[in-house]
Amino acid sequence: MRLRLPGALSPQVNKLTFGVDLFDVEISLALGEEVIRPLDSGDPDRFYGYILLRRPKRGNLTQRDFERHFSFDEIRYSSSPDTPAGPYGRVGQAIVSDEDELKLQRTIEDIVRSNETAGG
């Protein structure tokens, strides 16, 4: 299992993970502990993906470019060269969702590819 912690965005991410604190789970797993809190055994109505967006190495992207090609639950992206890059080169983030987990995975992969290649 590989988890990336959302840092300051934890409250927003916890809402999308049905109240499961991913930081707490990661620490427990790293210490070899079992997850104490019982998880709801029902299937979720939607699956969510959280994507950190970076500046492409070549070319330029705007938030509008992303919105033209993909449907987002939420997106924030700055194409301004004055925007300082955060951790992992982040200049924005997006939340996407789908009822189908495999479709969501493909969508996330497509968005990441588009982000890396400036939409090309």
PDB file of N, CA and C in Angstrom:
ATOM      1  N   MET A   1       0.850  -1.173   0.000  1.00  0.00           N
ATOM      2  CA  MET A   1       0.000   0.000   0.000  1.00  0.00           C
ATOM      3  C   MET A   1       0.890   1.228   0.000  1.00  0.00           C
ATOM      4  N   ARG A   2       0.562   2.198  -0.860  1.00  0.00           N
ATOM      5  CA  ARG A   2       1.350   3.430  -0.925  1.00  0.00           C
ATOM      6  C   ARG A   2       0.406   4.616  -0.778  1.00  0.00           C
ATOM      7  N   LEU A   3       0.622   5.393   0.253  1.00  0.00           N
ATOM      8  CA  LEU A   3      -0.207   6.564   0.501  1.00  0.00           C
ATOM      9  C   LEU A   3       0.654   7.804   0.419  1.00  0.00           C
ATOM     10  N   ARG A   4       0.115   8.845  -0.172  1.00  0.00           N
ATOM     11  CA  ARG A   4       0.777  10.152  -0.138  1.00  0.00           C
ATOM     12  C   ARG A   4      -0.084  11.053   0.725  1.00  0.00           C
ATOM     13  N   LEU A   5       0.533  11.615   1.713  1.00  0.00           N
ATOM     14  CA  LEU A   5      -0.222  12.428   2.655  1.00  0.00           C
ATOM     15  C   LEU A   5      -0.534  13.791   2.072  1.00  0.00           C
ATOM     16  N   PRO A   6      -1.752  14.288   2.298  1.00  0.00           N
ATOM     17  CA  PRO A   6      -2.155  15.558   1.726  1.00  0.00           C
ATOM     18  C   PRO A   6      -1.654  16.785   2.470  1.00  0.00           C
ATOM     19  N   GLY A   7      -1.019  16.633   3.601  1.00  0.00           N
ATOM     20  CA  GLY A   7      -0.481  17.781   4.328  1.00  0.00           C
ATOM     21  C   GLY A   7      -1.571  18.730   4.788  1.00  0.00           C
ATOM     22  N   ALA A   8      -1.404  20.018   4.452  1.00  0.00           N
ATOM     23  CA  ALA A   8      -2.340  21.049   4.901  1.00  0.00           C
ATOM     24  C   ALA A   8      -3.739  20.841   4.341  1.00  0.00           C
ATOM     25  N   LEU A   9      -3.864  20.044   3.312  1.00  0.00           N
ATOM     26  CA  LEU A   9      -5.174  19.807   2.704  1.00  0.00           C
ATOM     27  C   LEU A   9      -5.880  18.601   3.320  1.00  0.00           C
ATOM     28  N   SER A  10      -5.372  18.094   4.436  1.00  0.00           N
ATOM     29  CA  SER A  10      -5.943  16.909   5.079  1.00  0.00           C
ATOM     30  C   SER A  10      -7.443  16.993   5.331  1.00  0.00           C
ATOM     31  N   PRO A  11      -7.969  18.103   5.854  1.00  0.00           N
ATOM     32  CA  PRO A  11      -9.413  18.136   6.114  1.00  0.00           C
ATOM     33  C   PRO A  11     -10.256  17.885   4.860  1.00  0.00           C
ATOM     34  N   GLN A  12      -9.857  18.473   3.728  1.00  0.00           N
ATOM     35  CA  GLN A  12     -10.613  18.262   2.497  1.00  0.00           C
ATOM     36  C   GLN A  12     -10.521  16.806   2.042  1.00  0.00           C
ATOM     37  N   VAL A  13      -9.339  16.235   2.139  1.00  0.00           N
ATOM     38  CA  VAL A  13      -9.148  14.855   1.707  1.00  0.00           C
ATOM     39  C   VAL A  13      -9.887  13.904   2.633  1.00  0.00           C
ATOM     40  N   ASN A  14      -9.881  14.164   3.940  1.00  0.00           N
ATOM     41  CA  ASN A  14     -10.594  13.295   4.878  1.00  0.00           C
ATOM     42  C   ASN A  14     -12.084  13.232   4.568  1.00  0.00           C
ATOM     43  N   LYS A  15     -12.665  14.331   4.092  1.00  0.00           N
ATOM     44  CA  LYS A  15     -14.080  14.319   3.711  1.00  0.00           C
ATOM     45  C   LYS A  15     -14.322  13.331   2.573  1.00  0.00           C
ATOM     46  N   LEU A  16     -13.353  13.218   1.677  1.00  0.00           N
ATOM     47  CA  LEU A  16     -13.508  12.339   0.519  1.00  0.00           C
ATOM     48  C   LEU A  16     -13.132  10.897   0.823  1.00  0.00           C
ATOM     49  N   THR A  17     -12.502  10.653   1.958  1.00  0.00           N
ATOM     50  CA  THR A  17     -12.118   9.291   2.328  1.00  0.00           C
ATOM     51  C   THR A  17     -13.026   8.769   3.439  1.00  0.00           C
ATOM     52  N   PHE A  18     -14.256   9.262   3.453  1.00  0.00           N
ATOM     53  CA  PHE A  18     -15.276   8.809   4.387  1.00  0.00           C
ATOM     54  C   PHE A  18     -14.805   8.925   5.832  1.00  0.00           C
ATOM     55  N   GLY A  19     -14.064  10.011   6.120  1.00  0.00           N
ATOM     56  CA  GLY A  19     -13.637  10.275   7.480  1.00  0.00           C
ATOM     57  C   GLY A  19     -12.401   9.514   7.922  1.00  0.00           C
ATOM     58  N   VAL A  20     -11.802   8.732   7.037  1.00  0.00           N
ATOM     59  CA  VAL A  20     -10.595   7.992   7.401  1.00  0.00           C
ATOM     60  C   VAL A  20      -9.412   8.946   7.328  1.00  0.00           C
ATOM     61  N   ASP A  21      -8.707   9.085   8.422  1.00  0.00           N
ATOM     62  CA  ASP A  21      -7.529   9.945   8.470  1.00  0.00           C
ATOM     63  C   ASP A  21      -6.355   9.171   7.879  1.00  0.00           C
ATOM     64  N   LEU A  22      -5.964   9.519   6.652  1.00  0.00           N
ATOM     65  CA  LEU A  22      -4.916   8.779   5.961  1.00  0.00           C
ATOM     66  C   LEU A  22      -3.578   8.865   6.683  1.00  0.00           C
ATOM     67  N   PHE A  23      -3.306   9.986   7.337  1.00  0.00           N
ATOM     68  CA  PHE A  23      -2.061  10.124   8.087  1.00  0.00           C
ATOM     69  C   PHE A  23      -2.022   9.095   9.210  1.00  0.00           C
ATOM     70  N   ASP A  24      -3.114   8.989   9.935  1.00  0.00           N
ATOM     71  CA  ASP A  24      -3.217   8.037  11.035  1.00  0.00           C
ATOM     72  C   ASP A  24      -3.037   6.608  10.532  1.00  0.00           C
ATOM     73  N   VAL A  25      -3.684   6.291   9.419  1.00  0.00           N
ATOM     74  CA  VAL A  25      -3.585   4.948   8.848  1.00  0.00           C
ATOM     75  C   VAL A  25      -2.153   4.662   8.413  1.00  0.00           C
ATOM     76  N   GLU A  26      -1.510   5.624   7.751  1.00  0.00           N
ATOM     77  CA  GLU A  26      -0.139   5.400   7.281  1.00  0.00           C
ATOM     78  C   GLU A  26       0.810   5.156   8.449  1.00  0.00           C
ATOM     79  N   ILE A  27       0.683   5.947   9.499  1.00  0.00           N
ATOM     80  CA  ILE A  27       1.545   5.767  10.670  1.00  0.00           C
ATOM     81  C   ILE A  27       1.308   4.394  11.289  1.00  0.00           C
ATOM     82  N   SER A  28       0.047   4.004  11.438  1.00  0.00           N
ATOM     83  CA  SER A  28      -0.269   2.689  12.013  1.00  0.00           C
ATOM     84  C   SER A  28       0.332   1.566  11.175  1.00  0.00           C
ATOM     85  N   LEU A  29       0.183   1.658   9.855  1.00  0.00           N
ATOM     86  CA  LEU A  29       0.734   0.623   8.981  1.00  0.00           C
ATOM     87  C   LEU A  29       2.255   0.602   9.044  1.00  0.00           C
ATOM     88  N   ALA A  30       2.884   1.777   9.104  1.00  0.00           N
ATOM     89  CA  ALA A  30       4.347   1.853   9.174  1.00  0.00           C
ATOM     90  C   ALA A  30       4.869   1.227  10.467  1.00  0.00           C
ATOM     91  N   LEU A  31       4.092   1.327  11.526  1.00  0.00           N
ATOM     92  CA  LEU A  31       4.486   0.749  12.810  1.00  0.00           C
ATOM     93  C   LEU A  31       4.097  -0.719  12.931  1.00  0.00           C
ATOM     94  N   GLY A  32       3.494  -1.259  11.880  1.00  0.00           N
ATOM     95  CA  GLY A  32       3.087  -2.661  11.900  1.00  0.00           C
ATOM     96  C   GLY A  32       1.815  -2.906  12.682  1.00  0.00           C
ATOM     97  N   GLU A  33       1.096  -1.854  12.987  1.00  0.00           N
ATOM     98  CA  GLU A  33      -0.157  -1.990  13.733  1.00  0.00           C
ATOM     99  C   GLU A  33      -1.308  -2.245  12.772  1.00  0.00           C
ATOM    100  N   GLU A  34      -2.352  -2.816  13.308  1.00  0.00           N
ATOM    101  CA  GLU A  34      -3.562  -2.979  12.512  1.00  0.00           C
ATOM    102  C   GLU A  34      -4.370  -1.692  12.593  1.00  0.00           C
ATOM    103  N   VAL A  35      -5.169  -1.466  11.577  1.00  0.00           N
ATOM    104  CA  VAL A  35      -6.057  -0.310  11.601  1.00  0.00           C
ATOM    105  C   VAL A  35      -7.147  -0.615  12.615  1.00  0.00           C
ATOM    106  N   ILE A  36      -7.249   0.240  13.629  1.00  0.00           N
ATOM    107  CA  ILE A  36      -8.158  -0.012  14.749  1.00  0.00           C
ATOM    108  C   ILE A  36      -9.601   0.303  14.389  1.00  0.00           C
ATOM    109  N   ARG A  37      -9.795   1.413  13.719  1.00  0.00           N
ATOM    110  CA  ARG A  37     -11.160   1.856  13.418  1.00  0.00           C
ATOM    111  C   ARG A  37     -11.783   0.944  12.365  1.00  0.00           C
ATOM    112  N   PRO A  38     -12.944   0.362  12.666  1.00  0.00           N
ATOM    113  CA  PRO A  38     -13.586  -0.482  11.655  1.00  0.00           C
ATOM    114  C   PRO A  38     -14.052   0.370  10.471  1.00  0.00           C
ATOM    115  N   LEU A  39     -13.805  -0.131   9.293  1.00  0.00           N
ATOM    116  CA  LEU A  39     -14.211   0.585   8.090  1.00  0.00           C
ATOM    117  C   LEU A  39     -15.598   0.142   7.671  1.00  0.00           C
ATOM    118  N   ASP A  40     -16.352   1.051   7.117  1.00  0.00           N
ATOM    119  CA  ASP A  40     -17.675   0.738   6.598  1.00  0.00           C
ATOM    120  C   ASP A  40     -17.511  -0.294   5.494  1.00  0.00           C
ATOM    121  N   SER A  41     -18.225  -1.387   5.588  1.00  0.00           N
ATOM    122  CA  SER A  41     -18.050  -2.469   4.619  1.00  0.00           C
ATOM    123  C   SER A  41     -18.816  -2.232   3.324  1.00  0.00           C
ATOM    124  N   GLY A  42     -19.663  -1.219   3.282  1.00  0.00           N
ATOM    125  CA  GLY A  42     -20.421  -0.949   2.062  1.00  0.00           C
ATOM    126  C   GLY A  42     -19.566  -0.303   0.994  1.00  0.00           C
ATOM    127  N   ASP A  43     -19.913  -0.538  -0.237  1.00  0.00           N
ATOM    128  CA  ASP A  43     -19.194   0.093  -1.339  1.00  0.00           C
ATOM    129  C   ASP A  43     -19.579   1.565  -1.417  1.00  0.00           C
ATOM    130  N   PRO A  44     -18.613   2.427  -1.686  1.00  0.00           N
ATOM    131  CA  PRO A  44     -18.935   3.854  -1.814  1.00  0.00           C
ATOM    132  C   PRO A  44     -19.735   4.125  -3.083  1.00  0.00           C
ATOM    133  N   ASP A  45     -20.515   5.199  -3.068  1.00  0.00           N
ATOM    134  CA  ASP A  45     -21.276   5.593  -4.253  1.00  0.00           C
ATOM    135  C   ASP A  45     -20.355   6.129  -5.339  1.00  0.00           C
ATOM    136  N   ARG A  46     -19.281   6.780  -4.925  1.00  0.00           N
ATOM    137  CA  ARG A  46     -18.304   7.357  -5.856  1.00  0.00           C
ATOM    138  C   ARG A  46     -16.912   7.143  -5.303  1.00  0.00           C
ATOM    139  N   PHE A  47     -15.982   7.069  -6.219  1.00  0.00           N
ATOM    140  CA  PHE A  47     -14.569   7.023  -5.867  1.00  0.00           C
ATOM    141  C   PHE A  47     -13.971   8.374  -6.221  1.00  0.00           C
ATOM    142  N   TYR A  48     -13.032   8.837  -5.413  1.00  0.00           N
ATOM    143  CA  TYR A  48     -12.424  10.148  -5.627  1.00  0.00           C
ATOM    144  C   TYR A  48     -10.925  10.012  -5.830  1.00  0.00           C
ATOM    145  N   GLY A  49     -10.400  10.902  -6.643  1.00  0.00           N
ATOM    146  CA  GLY A  49      -8.962  10.988  -6.849  1.00  0.00           C
ATOM    147  C   GLY A  49      -8.509  12.412  -6.636  1.00  0.00           C
ATOM    148  N   TYR A  50      -7.365  12.556  -6.010  1.00  0.00           N
ATOM    149  CA  TYR A  50      -6.804  13.864  -5.707  1.00  0.00           C
ATOM    150  C   TYR A  50      -5.484  13.967  -6.451  1.00  0.00           C
ATOM    151  N   ILE A  51      -5.317  14.998  -7.250  1.00  0.00           N
ATOM    152  CA  ILE A  51      -4.149  15.121  -8.118  1.00  0.00           C
ATOM    153  C   ILE A  51      -3.429  16.431  -7.829  1.00  0.00           C
ATOM    154  N   LEU A  52      -2.130  16.347  -7.613  1.00  0.00           N
ATOM    155  CA  LEU A  52      -1.309  17.550  -7.514  1.00  0.00           C
ATOM    156  C   LEU A  52      -0.884  17.921  -8.924  1.00  0.00           C
ATOM    157  N   LEU A  53      -1.135  19.161  -9.317  1.00  0.00           N
ATOM    158  CA  LEU A  53      -0.810  19.618 -10.670  1.00  0.00           C
ATOM    159  C   LEU A  53       0.463  20.452 -10.642  1.00  0.00           C
ATOM    160  N   ARG A  54       1.321  20.212 -11.639  1.00  0.00           N
ATOM    161  CA  ARG A  54       2.585  20.939 -11.744  1.00  0.00           C
ATOM    162  C   ARG A  54       2.633  21.679 -13.065  1.00  0.00           C
ATOM    163  N   ARG A  55       3.613  22.550 -13.195  1.00  0.00           N
ATOM    164  CA  ARG A  55       3.860  23.175 -14.492  1.00  0.00           C
ATOM    165  C   ARG A  55       4.465  22.121 -15.405  1.00  0.00           C
ATOM    166  N   PRO A  56       4.053  22.096 -16.668  1.00  0.00           N
ATOM    167  CA  PRO A  56       4.704  21.156 -17.589  1.00  0.00           C
ATOM    168  C   PRO A  56       6.148  21.594 -17.837  1.00  0.00           C
ATOM    169  N   LYS A  57       7.012  20.628 -18.163  1.00  0.00           N
ATOM    170  CA  LYS A  57       8.424  20.960 -18.423  1.00  0.00           C
ATOM    171  C   LYS A  57       8.563  21.819 -19.666  1.00  0.00           C
ATOM    172  N   ARG A  58       7.691  21.577 -20.634  1.00  0.00           N
ATOM    173  CA  ARG A  58       7.688  22.382 -21.864  1.00  0.00           C
ATOM    174  C   ARG A  58       6.262  22.833 -22.133  1.00  0.00           C
ATOM    175  N   GLY A  59       6.134  24.007 -22.693  1.00  0.00           N
ATOM    176  CA  GLY A  59       4.803  24.506 -23.027  1.00  0.00           C
ATOM    177  C   GLY A  59       4.146  25.183 -21.844  1.00  0.00           C
ATOM    178  N   ASN A  60       2.864  25.466 -22.000  1.00  0.00           N
ATOM    179  CA  ASN A  60       2.122  26.184 -20.985  1.00  0.00           C
ATOM    180  C   ASN A  60       0.705  25.629 -20.916  1.00  0.00           C
ATOM    181  N   LEU A  61       0.167  25.551 -19.735  1.00  0.00           N
ATOM    182  CA  LEU A  61      -1.214  25.127 -19.518  1.00  0.00           C
ATOM    183  C   LEU A  61      -1.923  26.157 -18.660  1.00  0.00           C
ATOM    184  N   THR A  62      -3.216  26.274 -18.869  1.00  0.00           N
ATOM    185  CA  THR A  62      -4.051  27.112 -18.016  1.00  0.00           C
ATOM    186  C   THR A  62      -5.123  26.231 -17.385  1.00  0.00           C
ATOM    187  N   GLN A  63      -5.778  26.758 -16.387  1.00  0.00           N
ATOM    188  CA  GLN A  63      -6.880  26.011 -15.785  1.00  0.00           C
ATOM    189  C   GLN A  63      -7.941  25.724 -16.837  1.00  0.00           C
ATOM    190  N   ARG A  64      -8.165  26.681 -17.704  1.00  0.00           N
ATOM    191  CA  ARG A  64      -9.159  26.511 -18.776  1.00  0.00           C
ATOM    192  C   ARG A  64      -8.800  25.333 -19.686  1.00  0.00           C
ATOM    193  N   ASP A  65      -7.507  25.129 -19.966  1.00  0.00           N
ATOM    194  CA  ASP A  65      -7.076  23.981 -20.773  1.00  0.00           C
ATOM    195  C   ASP A  65      -7.503  22.670 -20.120  1.00  0.00           C
ATOM    196  N   PHE A  66      -7.288  22.573 -18.822  1.00  0.00           N
ATOM    197  CA  PHE A  66      -7.707  21.365 -18.106  1.00  0.00           C
ATOM    198  C   PHE A  66      -9.224  21.200 -18.186  1.00  0.00           C
ATOM    199  N   GLU A  67      -9.954  22.288 -17.938  1.00  0.00           N
ATOM    200  CA  GLU A  67     -11.421  22.224 -17.907  1.00  0.00           C
ATOM    201  C   GLU A  67     -12.014  21.897 -19.273  1.00  0.00           C
ATOM    202  N   ARG A  68     -11.323  22.263 -20.331  1.00  0.00           N
ATOM    203  CA  ARG A  68     -11.808  21.946 -21.679  1.00  0.00           C
ATOM    204  C   ARG A  68     -11.777  20.448 -21.964  1.00  0.00           C
ATOM    205  N   HIS A  69     -10.823  19.755 -21.355  1.00  0.00           N
ATOM    206  CA  HIS A  69     -10.620  18.348 -21.684  1.00  0.00           C
ATOM    207  C   HIS A  69     -11.117  17.360 -20.634  1.00  0.00           C
ATOM    208  N   PHE A  70     -11.344  17.837 -19.426  1.00  0.00           N
ATOM    209  CA  PHE A  70     -11.717  16.932 -18.344  1.00  0.00           C
ATOM    210  C   PHE A  70     -12.815  17.547 -17.486  1.00  0.00           C
ATOM    211  N   SER A  71     -13.550  16.677 -16.816  1.00  0.00           N
ATOM    212  CA  SER A  71     -14.585  17.113 -15.887  1.00  0.00           C
ATOM    213  C   SER A  71     -14.040  16.956 -14.462  1.00  0.00           C
ATOM    214  N   PHE A  72     -14.080  18.031 -13.689  1.00  0.00           N
ATOM    215  CA  PHE A  72     -13.522  18.035 -12.338  1.00  0.00           C
ATOM    216  C   PHE A  72     -14.610  18.303 -11.311  1.00  0.00           C
ATOM    217  N   ASP A  73     -14.452  17.718 -10.146  1.00  0.00           N
ATOM    218  CA  ASP A  73     -15.277  18.103  -9.007  1.00  0.00           C
ATOM    219  C   ASP A  73     -14.772  19.440  -8.483  1.00  0.00           C
ATOM    220  N   GLU A  74     -13.447  19.601  -8.574  1.00  0.00           N
ATOM    221  CA  GLU A  74     -12.823  20.852  -8.138  1.00  0.00           C
ATOM    222  C   GLU A  74     -11.452  20.939  -8.800  1.00  0.00           C
ATOM    223  N   ILE A  75     -11.086  22.141  -9.216  1.00  0.00           N
ATOM    224  CA  ILE A  75      -9.742  22.354  -9.747  1.00  0.00           C
ATOM    225  C   ILE A  75      -9.278  23.759  -9.407  1.00  0.00           C
ATOM    226  N   ARG A  76      -8.022  23.856  -9.057  1.00  0.00           N
ATOM    227  CA  ARG A  76      -7.336  25.141  -8.880  1.00  0.00           C
ATOM    228  C   ARG A  76      -5.968  24.974  -9.515  1.00  0.00           C
ATOM    229  N   TYR A  77      -5.662  25.853 -10.461  1.00  0.00           N
ATOM    230  CA  TYR A  77      -4.383  25.761 -11.168  1.00  0.00           C
ATOM    231  C   TYR A  77      -3.932  27.157 -11.554  1.00  0.00           C
ATOM    232  N   SER A  78      -2.702  27.480 -11.238  1.00  0.00           N
ATOM    233  CA  SER A  78      -2.162  28.782 -11.603  1.00  0.00           C
ATOM    234  C   SER A  78      -1.123  28.607 -12.697  1.00  0.00           C
ATOM    235  N   SER A  79      -1.330  29.309 -13.802  1.00  0.00           N
ATOM    236  CA  SER A  79      -0.355  29.267 -14.895  1.00  0.00           C
ATOM    237  C   SER A  79       0.598  30.454 -14.834  1.00  0.00           C
ATOM    238  N   SER A  80       0.450  31.290 -13.827  1.00  0.00           N
ATOM    239  CA  SER A  80       1.318  32.457 -13.684  1.00  0.00           C
ATOM    240  C   SER A  80       2.740  32.015 -13.340  1.00  0.00           C
ATOM    241  N   PRO A  81       3.734  32.543 -14.054  1.00  0.00           N
ATOM    242  CA  PRO A  81       5.118  32.189 -13.725  1.00  0.00           C
ATOM    243  C   PRO A  81       5.541  32.714 -12.354  1.00  0.00           C
ATOM    244  N   ASP A  82       4.772  33.646 -11.796  1.00  0.00           N
ATOM    245  CA  ASP A  82       5.079  34.202 -10.475  1.00  0.00           C
ATOM    246  C   ASP A  82       4.602  33.314  -9.330  1.00  0.00           C
ATOM    247  N   THR A  83       3.765  32.336  -9.640  1.00  0.00           N
ATOM    248  CA  THR A  83       3.266  31.443  -8.599  1.00  0.00           C
ATOM    249  C   THR A  83       4.392  30.528  -8.133  1.00  0.00           C
ATOM    250  N   PRO A  84       4.733  30.597  -6.846  1.00  0.00           N
ATOM    251  CA  PRO A  84       5.796  29.709  -6.367  1.00  0.00           C
ATOM    252  C   PRO A  84       5.310  28.260  -6.342  1.00  0.00           C
ATOM    253  N   ALA A  85       6.176  27.370  -6.747  1.00  0.00           N
ATOM    254  CA  ALA A  85       5.836  25.946  -6.723  1.00  0.00           C
ATOM    255  C   ALA A  85       5.929  25.436  -5.291  1.00  0.00           C
ATOM    256  N   GLY A  86       4.947  24.650  -4.917  1.00  0.00           N
ATOM    257  CA  GLY A  86       4.934  24.057  -3.587  1.00  0.00           C
ATOM    258  C   GLY A  86       5.623  22.703  -3.588  1.00  0.00           C
ATOM    259  N   PRO A  87       5.355  21.895  -2.568  1.00  0.00           N
ATOM    260  CA  PRO A  87       5.937  20.554  -2.520  1.00  0.00           C
ATOM    261  C   PRO A  87       5.617  19.776  -3.796  1.00  0.00           C
ATOM    262  N   TYR A  88       6.579  19.002  -4.263  1.00  0.00           N
ATOM    263  CA  TYR A  88       6.455  18.193  -5.485  1.00  0.00           C
ATOM    264  C   TYR A  88       6.250  19.060  -6.721  1.00  0.00           C
ATOM    265  N   GLY A  89       6.572  20.345  -6.652  1.00  0.00           N
ATOM    266  CA  GLY A  89       6.395  21.234  -7.800  1.00  0.00           C
ATOM    267  C   GLY A  89       4.959  21.677  -8.003  1.00  0.00           C
ATOM    268  N   ARG A  90       4.127  21.510  -7.006  1.00  0.00           N
ATOM    269  CA  ARG A  90       2.687  21.781  -7.097  1.00  0.00           C
ATOM    270  C   ARG A  90       2.385  23.260  -7.322  1.00  0.00           C
ATOM    271  N   VAL A  91       1.575  23.536  -8.350  1.00  0.00           N
ATOM    272  CA  VAL A  91       1.031  24.880  -8.572  1.00  0.00           C
ATOM    273  C   VAL A  91      -0.498  24.829  -8.640  1.00  0.00           C
ATOM    274  N   GLY A  92      -1.044  23.666  -8.338  1.00  0.00           N
ATOM    275  CA  GLY A  92      -2.491  23.504  -8.334  1.00  0.00           C
ATOM    276  C   GLY A  92      -2.862  22.105  -7.890  1.00  0.00           C
ATOM    277  N   GLN A  93      -4.165  21.894  -7.775  1.00  0.00           N
ATOM    278  CA  GLN A  93      -4.661  20.572  -7.420  1.00  0.00           C
ATOM    279  C   GLN A  93      -6.031  20.378  -8.033  1.00  0.00           C
ATOM    280  N   ALA A  94      -6.397  19.114  -8.166  1.00  0.00           N
ATOM    281  CA  ALA A  94      -7.701  18.788  -8.737  1.00  0.00           C
ATOM    282  C   ALA A  94      -8.285  17.591  -8.009  1.00  0.00           C
ATOM    283  N   ILE A  95      -9.598  17.581  -7.942  1.00  0.00           N
ATOM    284  CA  ILE A  95     -10.330  16.433  -7.421  1.00  0.00           C
ATOM    285  C   ILE A  95     -11.246  15.958  -8.535  1.00  0.00           C
ATOM    286  N   VAL A  96     -11.171  14.662  -8.818  1.00  0.00           N
ATOM    287  CA  VAL A  96     -12.038  14.047  -9.819  1.00  0.00           C
ATOM    288  C   VAL A  96     -12.738  12.864  -9.165  1.00  0.00           C
ATOM    289  N   SER A  97     -13.860  12.467  -9.740  1.00  0.00           N
ATOM    290  CA  SER A  97     -14.579  11.329  -9.171  1.00  0.00           C
ATOM    291  C   SER A  97     -15.296  10.564 -10.273  1.00  0.00           C
ATOM    292  N   ASP A  98     -15.631   9.333  -9.941  1.00  0.00           N
ATOM    293  CA  ASP A  98     -16.396   8.492 -10.858  1.00  0.00           C
ATOM    294  C   ASP A  98     -17.021   7.373 -10.046  1.00  0.00           C
ATOM    295  N   GLU A  99     -18.115   6.845 -10.539  1.00  0.00           N
ATOM    296  CA  GLU A  99     -18.746   5.702  -9.889  1.00  0.00           C
ATOM    297  C   GLU A  99     -17.947   4.429 -10.134  1.00  0.00           C
ATOM    298  N   ASP A 100     -17.157   4.419 -11.199  1.00  0.00           N
ATOM    299  CA  ASP A 100     -16.370   3.255 -11.590  1.00  0.00           C
ATOM    300  C   ASP A 100     -14.896   3.510 -11.260  1.00  0.00           C
ATOM    301  N   GLU A 101     -14.330   2.668 -10.420  1.00  0.00           N
ATOM    302  CA  GLU A 101     -12.955   2.869  -9.964  1.00  0.00           C
ATOM    303  C   GLU A 101     -11.941   2.796 -11.110  1.00  0.00           C
ATOM    304  N   LEU A 102     -12.144   1.888 -12.057  1.00  0.00           N
ATOM    305  CA  LEU A 102     -11.209   1.773 -13.182  1.00  0.00           C
ATOM    306  C   LEU A 102     -11.285   2.977 -14.112  1.00  0.00           C
ATOM    307  N   LYS A 103     -12.489   3.485 -14.335  1.00  0.00           N
ATOM    308  CA  LYS A 103     -12.629   4.705 -15.147  1.00  0.00           C
ATOM    309  C   LYS A 103     -11.931   5.874 -14.465  1.00  0.00           C
ATOM    310  N   LEU A 104     -12.079   5.951 -13.158  1.00  0.00           N
ATOM    311  CA  LEU A 104     -11.419   7.015 -12.402  1.00  0.00           C
ATOM    312  C   LEU A 104      -9.907   6.909 -12.547  1.00  0.00           C
ATOM    313  N   GLN A 105      -9.383   5.705 -12.442  1.00  0.00           N
ATOM    314  CA  GLN A 105      -7.940   5.515 -12.585  1.00  0.00           C
ATOM    315  C   GLN A 105      -7.468   5.970 -13.962  1.00  0.00           C
ATOM    316  N   ARG A 106      -8.204   5.614 -15.008  1.00  0.00           N
ATOM    317  CA  ARG A 106      -7.833   6.043 -16.369  1.00  0.00           C
ATOM    318  C   ARG A 106      -7.903   7.564 -16.500  1.00  0.00           C
ATOM    319  N   THR A 107      -8.926   8.160 -15.922  1.00  0.00           N
ATOM    320  CA  THR A 107      -9.059   9.621 -15.971  1.00  0.00           C
ATOM    321  C   THR A 107      -7.874  10.291 -15.284  1.00  0.00           C
ATOM    322  N   ILE A 108      -7.507   9.790 -14.119  1.00  0.00           N
ATOM    323  CA  ILE A 108      -6.361  10.352 -13.398  1.00  0.00           C
ATOM    324  C   ILE A 108      -5.100  10.227 -14.243  1.00  0.00           C
ATOM    325  N   GLU A 109      -4.884   9.066 -14.833  1.00  0.00           N
ATOM    326  CA  GLU A 109      -3.703   8.862 -15.681  1.00  0.00           C
ATOM    327  C   GLU A 109      -3.713   9.817 -16.869  1.00  0.00           C
ATOM    328  N   ASP A 110      -4.878  10.035 -17.470  1.00  0.00           N
ATOM    329  CA  ASP A 110      -4.988  10.963 -18.606  1.00  0.00           C
ATOM    330  C   ASP A 110      -4.676  12.402 -18.183  1.00  0.00           C
ATOM    331  N   ILE A 111      -5.172  12.797 -17.016  1.00  0.00           N
ATOM    332  CA  ILE A 111      -4.911  14.157 -16.523  1.00  0.00           C
ATOM    333  C   ILE A 111      -3.423  14.336 -16.235  1.00  0.00           C
ATOM    334  N   VAL A 112      -2.816  13.356 -15.595  1.00  0.00           N
ATOM    335  CA  VAL A 112      -1.383  13.440 -15.285  1.00  0.00           C
ATOM    336  C   VAL A 112      -0.570  13.514 -16.577  1.00  0.00           C
ATOM    337  N   ARG A 113      -0.911  12.682 -17.543  1.00  0.00           N
ATOM    338  CA  ARG A 113      -0.209  12.705 -18.837  1.00  0.00           C
ATOM    339  C   ARG A 113      -0.362  14.071 -19.502  1.00  0.00           C
ATOM    340  N   SER A 114      -1.570  14.605 -19.491  1.00  0.00           N
ATOM    341  CA  SER A 114      -1.830  15.916 -20.078  1.00  0.00           C
ATOM    342  C   SER A 114      -1.036  17.000 -19.353  1.00  0.00           C
ATOM    343  N   ASN A 115      -0.952  16.893 -18.038  1.00  0.00           N
ATOM    344  CA  ASN A 115      -0.190  17.857 -17.246  1.00  0.00           C
ATOM    345  C   ASN A 115       1.302  17.795 -17.586  1.00  0.00           C
ATOM    346  N   GLU A 116       1.812  16.597 -17.769  1.00  0.00           N
ATOM    347  CA  GLU A 116       3.242  16.427 -18.078  1.00  0.00           C
ATOM    348  C   GLU A 116       3.603  16.911 -19.479  1.00  0.00           C
ATOM    349  N   THR A 117       2.664  16.776 -20.416  1.00  0.00           N
ATOM    350  CA  THR A 117       2.967  17.088 -21.822  1.00  0.00           C
ATOM    351  C   THR A 117       2.331  18.388 -22.288  1.00  0.00           C
ATOM    352  N   ALA A 118       1.869  19.209 -21.370  1.00  0.00           N
ATOM    353  CA  ALA A 118       1.217  20.489 -21.701  1.00  0.00           C
ATOM    354  C   ALA A 118       0.026  20.281 -22.624  1.00  0.00           C
ATOM    355  N   GLY A 119      -0.744  19.238 -22.341  1.00  0.00           N
ATOM    356  CA  GLY A 119      -1.968  18.992 -23.101  1.00  0.00           C
ATOM    357  C   GLY A 119      -1.755  18.277 -24.414  1.00  0.00           C
ATOM    358  N   GLY A 120      -0.512  17.975 -24.767  1.00  0.00           N
ATOM    359  CA  GLY A 120      -0.212  17.360 -26.061  1.00  0.00           C
ATOM    360  C   GLY A 120      -0.322  15.882 -26.110  1.00  0.00           C
TER     361      GLY A 120
END
